[in-house]
C-alpha atoms as a PDB file:
ATOM      1  CA  MET A   1     -39.964-135.368 -37.375  1.00  0.00           C
ATOM      2  CA  ASN A   2     -38.961-138.763 -35.985  1.00  0.00           C
ATOM      3  CA  ASN A   3     -35.693-139.651 -36.394  1.00  0.00           C
ATOM      4  CA  LYS A   4     -35.406-142.758 -34.180  1.00  0.00           C
ATOM      5  CA  GLN A   5     -33.657-145.594 -36.096  1.00  0.00           C
ATOM      6  CA  VAL A   6     -35.656-148.821 -37.027  1.00  0.00           C
ATOM      7  CA  LEU A   7     -33.099-151.315 -36.439  1.00  0.00           C
ATOM      8  CA  PRO A   8     -33.161-154.371 -38.980  1.00  0.00           C
ATOM      9  CA  LYS A   9     -34.339-157.910 -37.864  1.00  0.00           C
ATOM     10  CA  VAL A  10     -32.200-160.107 -40.110  1.00  0.00           C
ATOM     11  CA  ILE A  11     -33.150-163.831 -40.627  1.00  0.00           C
ATOM     12  CA  LYS A  12     -30.027-166.092 -40.863  1.00  0.00           C
ATOM     13  CA  PRO A  13     -29.453-168.588 -43.776  1.00  0.00           C
ATOM     14  CA  LYS A  14     -31.017-171.876 -43.185  1.00  0.00           C
ATOM     15  CA  PHE A  15     -29.089-175.245 -43.752  1.00  0.00           C
ATOM     16  CA  ILE A  16     -29.691-178.667 -43.729  1.00  0.00           C
ATOM     17  CA  LYS A  17     -28.262-180.414 -40.624  1.00  0.00           C
ATOM     18  CA  SER A  18     -25.478-182.536 -42.537  1.00  0.00           C
ATOM     19  CA  ILE A  19     -24.271-179.788 -44.790  1.00  0.00           C
ATOM     20  CA  GLU A  20     -20.688-180.116 -43.171  1.00  0.00           C
ATOM     21  CA  GLN A  21     -20.651-183.608 -44.296  1.00  0.00           C
ATOM     22  CA  THR A  22     -21.330-182.505 -48.072  1.00  0.00           C
ATOM     23  CA  CYS A  23     -18.091-180.689 -48.461  1.00  0.00           C
ATOM     24  CA  VAL A  24     -17.142-180.558 -52.105  1.00  0.00           C
ATOM     25  CA  LYS A  25     -14.106-178.550 -54.068  1.00  0.00           C
ATOM     26  CA  ASN A  26     -15.226-178.276 -57.335  1.00  0.00           C
ATOM     27  CA  ILE A  27     -18.738-177.074 -58.918  1.00  0.00           C
ATOM     28  CA  ASP A  28     -20.044-177.134 -62.707  1.00  0.00           C
ATOM     29  CA  LEU A  29     -21.777-173.533 -63.368  1.00  0.00           C
ATOM     30  CA  GLU A  30     -24.281-174.029 -66.154  1.00  0.00           C
ATOM     31  CA  ASP A  31     -26.733-171.516 -67.389  1.00  0.00           C
ATOM     32  CA  GLU A  32     -29.969-171.772 -65.612  1.00  0.00           C
ATOM     33  CA  GLY A  33     -28.368-174.236 -63.118  1.00  0.00           C
ATOM     34  CA  THR A  34     -29.340-174.729 -59.673  1.00  0.00           C
ATOM     35  CA  ILE A  35     -26.991-175.911 -56.748  1.00  0.00           C
ATOM     36  CA  LYS A  36     -28.266-176.800 -53.567  1.00  0.00           C
ATOM     37  CA  ASN A  37     -27.721-177.918 -49.814  1.00  0.00           C
ATOM     38  CA  ILE A  38     -23.781-178.413 -50.350  1.00  0.00           C
ATOM     39  CA  HIS A  39     -20.677-176.896 -48.644  1.00  0.00           C
ATOM     40  CA  ILE A  40     -18.000-175.661 -51.106  1.00  0.00           C
ATOM     41  CA  SER A  41     -14.473-175.332 -49.643  1.00  0.00           C
ATOM     42  CA  ASP A  42     -11.032-174.178 -51.074  1.00  0.00           C
ATOM     43  CA  TYR A  43     -11.984-173.916 -54.680  1.00  0.00           C
ATOM     44  CA  THR A  44     -11.685-171.475 -57.514  1.00  0.00           C
ATOM     45  CA  ILE A  45     -14.591-171.064 -60.012  1.00  0.00           C
ATOM     46  CA  GLU A  46     -13.269-172.146 -63.230  1.00  0.00           C
ATOM     47  CA  THR A  47     -16.376-170.861 -65.343  1.00  0.00           C
ATOM     48  CA  ARG A  48     -15.861-167.171 -66.225  1.00  0.00           C
ATOM     49  CA  GLU A  49     -19.745-166.414 -67.143  1.00  0.00           C
ATOM     50  CA  ALA A  50     -23.036-168.009 -66.304  1.00  0.00           C
ATOM     51  CA  ASN A  51     -26.689-166.809 -66.681  1.00  0.00           C
ATOM     52  CA  LYS A  52     -29.499-167.496 -64.241  1.00  0.00           C
ATOM     53  CA  VAL A  53     -27.591-169.461 -61.747  1.00  0.00           C
ATOM     54  CA  SER A  54     -29.189-170.359 -58.601  1.00  0.00           C
ATOM     55  CA  PHE A  55     -27.597-171.225 -54.884  1.00  0.00           C
ATOM     56  CA  GLU A  56     -29.703-172.520 -52.494  1.00  0.00           C
ATOM     57  CA  GLY A  57     -28.661-173.536 -48.891  1.00  0.00           C
ATOM     58  CA  VAL A  58     -24.903-173.273 -49.992  1.00  0.00           C
ATOM     59  CA  ILE A  59     -21.757-172.665 -47.885  1.00  0.00           C
ATOM     60  CA  PHE A  60     -18.922-171.188 -49.511  1.00  0.00           C
ATOM     61  CA  SER A  61     -15.510-171.235 -47.633  1.00  0.00           C
ATOM     62  CA  LYS A  62     -12.463-169.781 -49.040  1.00  0.00           C
ATOM     63  CA  VAL A  63     -14.006-169.911 -52.732  1.00  0.00           C
ATOM     64  CA  ASN A  64     -12.592-167.600 -55.186  1.00  0.00           C
ATOM     65  CA  PHE A  65     -15.015-165.936 -57.520  1.00  0.00           C
ATOM     66  CA  LYS A  66     -12.511-163.363 -58.493  1.00  0.00           C
ATOM     67  CA  GLY A  67     -13.588-161.492 -62.051  1.00  0.00           C
ATOM     68  CA  ILE A  68     -16.513-163.641 -62.928  1.00  0.00           C
ATOM     69  CA  THR A  69     -19.816-162.757 -64.362  1.00  0.00           C
ATOM     70  CA  LEU A  70     -23.007-164.279 -63.116  1.00  0.00           C
ATOM     71  CA  ASN A  71     -25.884-162.655 -64.698  1.00  0.00           C
ATOM     72  CA  ALA A  72     -29.451-162.726 -62.885  1.00  0.00           C
ATOM     73  CA  LEU A  73     -27.937-164.716 -60.184  1.00  0.00           C
ATOM     74  CA  GLU A  74     -30.098-165.927 -57.233  1.00  0.00           C
ATOM     75  CA  LEU A  75     -28.627-166.640 -53.831  1.00  0.00           C
ATOM     76  CA  THR A  76     -31.182-167.897 -50.877  1.00  0.00           C
ATOM     77  CA  ASP A  77     -30.022-169.164 -47.652  1.00  0.00           C
ATOM     78  CA  VAL A  78     -26.225-168.773 -48.595  1.00  0.00           C
ATOM     79  CA  ARG A  79     -22.948-167.973 -46.392  1.00  0.00           C
ATOM     80  CA  PHE A  80     -19.589-166.729 -47.641  1.00  0.00           C
ATOM     81  CA  GLU A  81     -16.636-167.253 -45.569  1.00  0.00           C
ATOM     82  CA  ASN A  82     -13.207-165.833 -46.267  1.00  0.00           C
ATOM     83  CA  CYS A  83     -14.216-165.859 -49.950  1.00  0.00           C
ATOM     84  CA  ASP A  84     -12.966-163.596 -52.722  1.00  0.00           C
ATOM     85  CA  LEU A  85     -15.545-162.041 -54.813  1.00  0.00           C
ATOM     86  CA  SER A  86     -13.183-159.049 -56.333  1.00  0.00           C
ATOM     87  CA  ASN A  87     -14.313-157.557 -59.323  1.00  0.00           C
ATOM     88  CA  ALA A  88     -16.888-160.176 -60.118  1.00  0.00           C
ATOM     89  CA  ASN A  89     -20.077-158.926 -61.737  1.00  0.00           C
ATOM     90  CA  PHE A  90     -23.334-159.681 -60.184  1.00  0.00           C
ATOM     91  CA  ILE A  91     -25.396-157.099 -61.547  1.00  0.00           C
ATOM     92  CA  GLY A  92     -29.086-157.516 -60.996  1.00  0.00           C
ATOM     93  CA  ALA A  93     -28.547-160.197 -58.374  1.00  0.00           C
ATOM     94  CA  ILE A  94     -31.253-161.322 -56.097  1.00  0.00           C
ATOM     95  CA  ILE A  95     -29.845-162.252 -52.577  1.00  0.00           C
ATOM     96  CA  HIS A  96     -31.836-163.356 -49.644  1.00  0.00           C
ATOM     97  CA  ARG A  97     -30.916-164.650 -46.180  1.00  0.00           C
ATOM     98  CA  ALA A  98     -27.171-164.437 -46.824  1.00  0.00           C
ATOM     99  CA  GLU A  99     -23.983-163.737 -44.891  1.00  0.00           C
ATOM    100  CA  PHE A 100     -20.666-162.521 -46.080  1.00  0.00           C
ATOM    101  CA  LEU A 101     -17.892-163.158 -43.280  1.00  0.00           C
ATOM    102  CA  ASP A 102     -14.383-162.047 -43.635  1.00  0.00           C
ATOM    103  CA  CYS A 103     -14.782-161.575 -47.344  1.00  0.00           C
ATOM    104  CA  LYS A 104     -12.867-159.394 -50.071  1.00  0.00           C
ATOM    105  CA  LEU A 105     -15.615-157.581 -52.002  1.00  0.00           C
ATOM    106  CA  MET A 106     -13.295-155.246 -53.765  1.00  0.00           C
ATOM    107  CA  GLY A 107     -14.556-153.982 -57.128  1.00  0.00           C
ATOM    108  CA  LEU A 108     -17.655-156.052 -56.697  1.00  0.00           C
ATOM    109  CA  ASN A 109     -20.558-154.894 -59.163  1.00  0.00           C
ATOM    110  CA  LEU A 110     -23.763-155.374 -57.263  1.00  0.00           C
ATOM    111  CA  ASN A 111     -25.691-152.398 -59.410  1.00  0.00           C
ATOM    112  CA  ASP A 112     -29.552-153.212 -59.396  1.00  0.00           C
ATOM    113  CA  ALA A 113     -29.298-155.820 -57.017  1.00  0.00           C
ATOM    114  CA  THR A 114     -31.797-156.716 -54.206  1.00  0.00           C
ATOM    115  CA  PHE A 115     -30.714-157.455 -50.562  1.00  0.00           C
ATOM    116  CA  GLN A 116     -33.136-158.675 -48.080  1.00  0.00           C
ATOM    117  CA  ASN A 117     -31.885-160.419 -44.478  1.00  0.00           C
ATOM    118  CA  ILE A 118     -28.211-159.673 -45.371  1.00  0.00           C
ATOM    119  CA  TYR A 119     -25.236-159.697 -42.661  1.00  0.00           C
ATOM    120  CA  MET A 120     -21.913-158.557 -43.505  1.00  0.00           C
ATOM    121  CA  ASN A 121     -18.998-158.548 -41.211  1.00  0.00           C
ATOM    122  CA  ASN A 122     -15.506-157.696 -41.532  1.00  0.00           C
ATOM    123  CA  CYS A 123     -15.486-157.397 -45.283  1.00  0.00           C
ATOM    124  CA  ASN A 124     -13.275-155.488 -47.577  1.00  0.00           C
ATOM    125  CA  GLY A 125     -15.594-153.641 -50.203  1.00  0.00           C
ATOM    126  CA  GLN A 126     -13.590-150.839 -51.469  1.00  0.00           C
ATOM    127  CA  PHE A 127     -14.405-149.651 -54.723  1.00  0.00           C
ATOM    128  CA  ILE A 128     -17.794-151.773 -54.646  1.00  0.00           C
ATOM    129  CA  LEU A 129     -20.719-150.872 -56.880  1.00  0.00           C
ATOM    130  CA  MET A 130     -24.328-150.675 -55.348  1.00  0.00           C
ATOM    131  CA  ASN A 131     -26.069-148.173 -57.452  1.00  0.00           C
ATOM    132  CA  TYR A 132     -29.819-148.576 -57.635  1.00  0.00           C
ATOM    133  CA  ILE A 133     -29.737-151.461 -55.061  1.00  0.00           C
ATOM    134  CA  GLN A 134     -32.552-152.224 -52.816  1.00  0.00           C
ATOM    135  CA  MET A 135     -31.819-153.235 -49.205  1.00  0.00           C
ATOM    136  CA  LYS A 136     -34.323-154.328 -46.565  1.00  0.00           C
ATOM    137  CA  ASN A 137     -33.196-155.797 -43.223  1.00  0.00           C
ATOM    138  CA  VAL A 138     -29.360-155.479 -43.849  1.00  0.00           C
ATOM    139  CA  ILE A 139     -26.621-155.213 -41.092  1.00  0.00           C
ATOM    140  CA  LEU A 140     -23.191-153.768 -42.388  1.00  0.00           C
ATOM    141  CA  SER A 141     -20.637-154.220 -39.498  1.00  0.00           C
ATOM    142  CA  ASP A 142     -16.945-153.481 -39.452  1.00  0.00           C
ATOM    143  CA  CYS A 143     -16.611-153.199 -43.388  1.00  0.00           C
ATOM    144  CA  ILE A 144     -14.556-151.003 -45.437  1.00  0.00           C
ATOM    145  CA  PHE A 145     -16.608-149.291 -48.326  1.00  0.00           C
ATOM    146  CA  GLU A 146     -14.043-146.769 -49.134  1.00  0.00           C
ATOM    147  CA  ASN A 147     -14.476-145.134 -52.590  1.00  0.00           C
ATOM    148  CA  SER A 148     -17.656-147.259 -53.032  1.00  0.00           C
ATOM    149  CA  ASN A 149     -20.721-146.157 -55.017  1.00  0.00           C
ATOM    150  CA  VAL A 150     -24.125-146.474 -53.273  1.00  0.00           C
ATOM    151  CA  GLN A 151     -25.924-143.895 -55.348  1.00  0.00           C
ATOM    152  CA  HIS A 152     -29.836-143.950 -56.176  1.00  0.00           C
ATOM    153  CA  SER A 153     -30.458-146.806 -53.841  1.00  0.00           C
ATOM    154  CA  LYS A 154     -33.231-147.532 -51.288  1.00  0.00           C
ATOM    155  CA  LEU A 155     -32.188-148.670 -47.691  1.00  0.00           C
ATOM    156  CA  ASP A 156     -35.025-149.860 -45.556  1.00  0.00           C
ATOM    157  CA  LYS A 157     -34.075-151.254 -42.020  1.00  0.00           C
ATOM    158  CA  VAL A 158     -30.423-150.765 -42.632  1.00  0.00           C
ATOM    159  CA  GLU A 159     -27.583-150.513 -39.716  1.00  0.00           C
ATOM    160  CA  PHE A 160     -24.144-149.467 -40.148  1.00  0.00           C
ATOM    161  CA  ARG A 161     -21.699-150.758 -37.312  1.00  0.00           C
ATOM    162  CA  LYS A 162     -18.325-149.076 -37.541  1.00  0.00           C
ATOM    163  CA  CYS A 163     -18.141-149.025 -41.384  1.00  0.00           C
ATOM    164  CA  ASN A 164     -15.837-147.110 -43.563  1.00  0.00           C
ATOM    165  CA  PHE A 165     -17.558-145.155 -46.351  1.00  0.00           C
ATOM    166  CA  LYS A 166     -14.779-142.598 -46.756  1.00  0.00           C
ATOM    167  CA  LEU A 167     -14.987-140.643 -50.235  1.00  0.00           C
ATOM    168  CA  SER A 168     -17.932-142.952 -51.196  1.00  0.00           C
ATOM    169  CA  GLN A 169     -20.337-141.462 -53.713  1.00  0.00           C
ATOM    170  CA  MET A 170     -23.870-141.679 -52.110  1.00  0.00           C
ATOM    171  CA  SER A 171     -26.028-139.079 -53.903  1.00  0.00           C
ATOM    172  CA  GLY A 172     -29.649-139.784 -54.395  1.00  0.00           C
ATOM    173  CA  THR A 173     -29.697-142.432 -51.356  1.00  0.00           C
ATOM    174  CA  SER A 174     -31.755-141.240 -48.733  1.00  0.00           C
ATOM    175  CA  LEU A 175     -30.160-142.009 -45.270  1.00  0.00           C
ATOM    176  CA  SER A 176     -32.945-140.769 -43.034  1.00  0.00           C
ATOM    177  CA  GLY A 177     -33.323-142.872 -40.192  1.00  0.00           C
ATOM    178  CA  ILE A 178     -30.020-144.515 -40.241  1.00  0.00           C
ATOM    179  CA  ASP A 179     -27.374-144.086 -37.549  1.00  0.00           C
ATOM    180  CA  LEU A 180     -24.329-143.116 -39.220  1.00  0.00           C
ATOM    181  CA  SER A 181     -22.514-141.664 -35.912  1.00  0.00           C
ATOM    182  CA  ASN A 182     -19.970-144.641 -35.269  1.00  0.00           C
ATOM    183  CA  SER A 183     -19.042-144.755 -39.096  1.00  0.00           C
ATOM    184  CA  ASP A 184     -16.416-142.798 -41.113  1.00  0.00           C
ATOM    185  CA  PHE A 185     -18.043-140.957 -43.925  1.00  0.00           C
ATOM    186  CA  GLU A 186     -15.249-138.262 -44.491  1.00  0.00           C
ATOM    187  CA  GLY A 187     -15.454-136.772 -47.947  1.00  0.00           C
ATOM    188  CA  ALA A 188     -18.609-138.933 -48.719  1.00  0.00           C
ATOM    189  CA  GLY A 189     -20.504-137.258 -51.447  1.00  0.00           C
ATOM    190  CA  VAL A 190     -23.910-136.893 -50.123  1.00  0.00           C
ATOM    191  CA  GLY A 191     -26.220-133.930 -50.729  1.00  0.00           C
ATOM    192  CA  PRO A 192     -28.595-132.245 -48.179  1.00  0.00           C
ATOM    193  CA  GLU A 193     -31.538-134.181 -49.148  1.00  0.00           C
ATOM    194  CA  ASP A 194     -29.607-137.502 -48.578  1.00  0.00           C
ATOM    195  CA  ILE A 195     -28.471-136.969 -45.198  1.00  0.00           C
ATOM    196  CA  LYS A 196     -31.635-135.212 -43.881  1.00  0.00           C
ATOM    197  CA  GLY A 197     -33.065-137.203 -41.108  1.00  0.00           C
ATOM    198  CA  ALA A 198     -29.856-139.353 -40.697  1.00  0.00           C
ATOM    199  CA  ILE A 199     -28.525-139.660 -37.138  1.00  0.00           C
ATOM    200  CA  VAL A 200     -25.375-138.274 -36.571  1.00  0.00           C
ATOM    201  CA  SER A 201     -22.286-137.525 -34.173  1.00  0.00           C
ATOM    202  CA  PRO A 202     -21.497-133.904 -33.174  1.00  0.00           C
ATOM    203  CA  MET A 203     -18.615-133.836 -35.221  1.00  0.00           C
ATOM    204  CA  GLN A 204     -20.399-135.296 -38.384  1.00  0.00           C
ATOM    205  CA  ALA A 205     -22.941-132.631 -37.812  1.00  0.00           C
ATOM    206  CA  VAL A 206     -20.256-129.911 -38.355  1.00  0.00           C
ATOM    207  CA  ASP A 207     -18.942-131.704 -41.516  1.00  0.00           C
ATOM    208  CA  PHE A 208     -22.389-132.379 -43.014  1.00  0.00           C
ATOM    209  CA  SER A 209     -23.503-128.819 -42.271  1.00  0.00           C
ATOM    210  CA  LYS A 210     -21.375-127.534 -44.947  1.00  0.00           C
ATOM    211  CA  LEU A 211     -23.788-129.140 -47.374  1.00  0.00           C
ATOM    212  CA  PHE A 212     -26.414-126.685 -46.185  1.00  0.00           C
ATOM    213  CA  GLY A 213     -24.188-123.744 -46.532  1.00  0.00           C
ATOM    214  CA  LEU A 214     -23.612-123.172 -42.736  1.00  0.00           C
ATOM    215  CA  VAL A 215     -20.564-121.434 -41.370  1.00  0.00           C
ATOM    216  CA  ILE A 216     -19.612-122.691 -38.099  1.00  0.00           C
ATOM    217  CA  LYS A 217     -18.303-119.876 -35.895  1.00  0.00           C
ATOM    218  CA  GLU A 218     -15.909-120.997 -33.006  1.00  0.00           C
END
């Protein structure tokens, strides 16, 4: 068995050179609307629900998405900086080449979403929902995902860097080949088939051994 971790090669978002000069403080979200190549700053999204919205080449800085529903959302070449996406509903979103930096993601619903070339750093994703999600080339760094749900999901070339997954539910999601050793999985709901082939620390090995019915004798 080859348990060597395959590290992701995350492609960064691509923005037009003049994007910093396109800063706006309001946008109109309409069904099937496309918003491209702008920098949105210090704004609270007033639209509560929209369908099939697409963002391309957009930087969000200190934008409040709290509690909004964006059905069939598409994000390509997007960066979120110090944004609040708490309790937003992005079910089925397709997100490609995106960064989430210093964001609040508490209770964000990303069930059935597709993640490709994603970097998250220093985000609070407590109670986040990522069931049936597909991740490829994703780095999650210094993030809190305590009490999250990442069940029945597919992780391909995903890296965890000092993340907190305490008390999270991860059944049906294979962690094979993923280095868990510097992240916290205390009390996480995983089964033997989920953890098989994962890279763990000696202390984690003792904790996870209980899933296999082993009794550790000192």
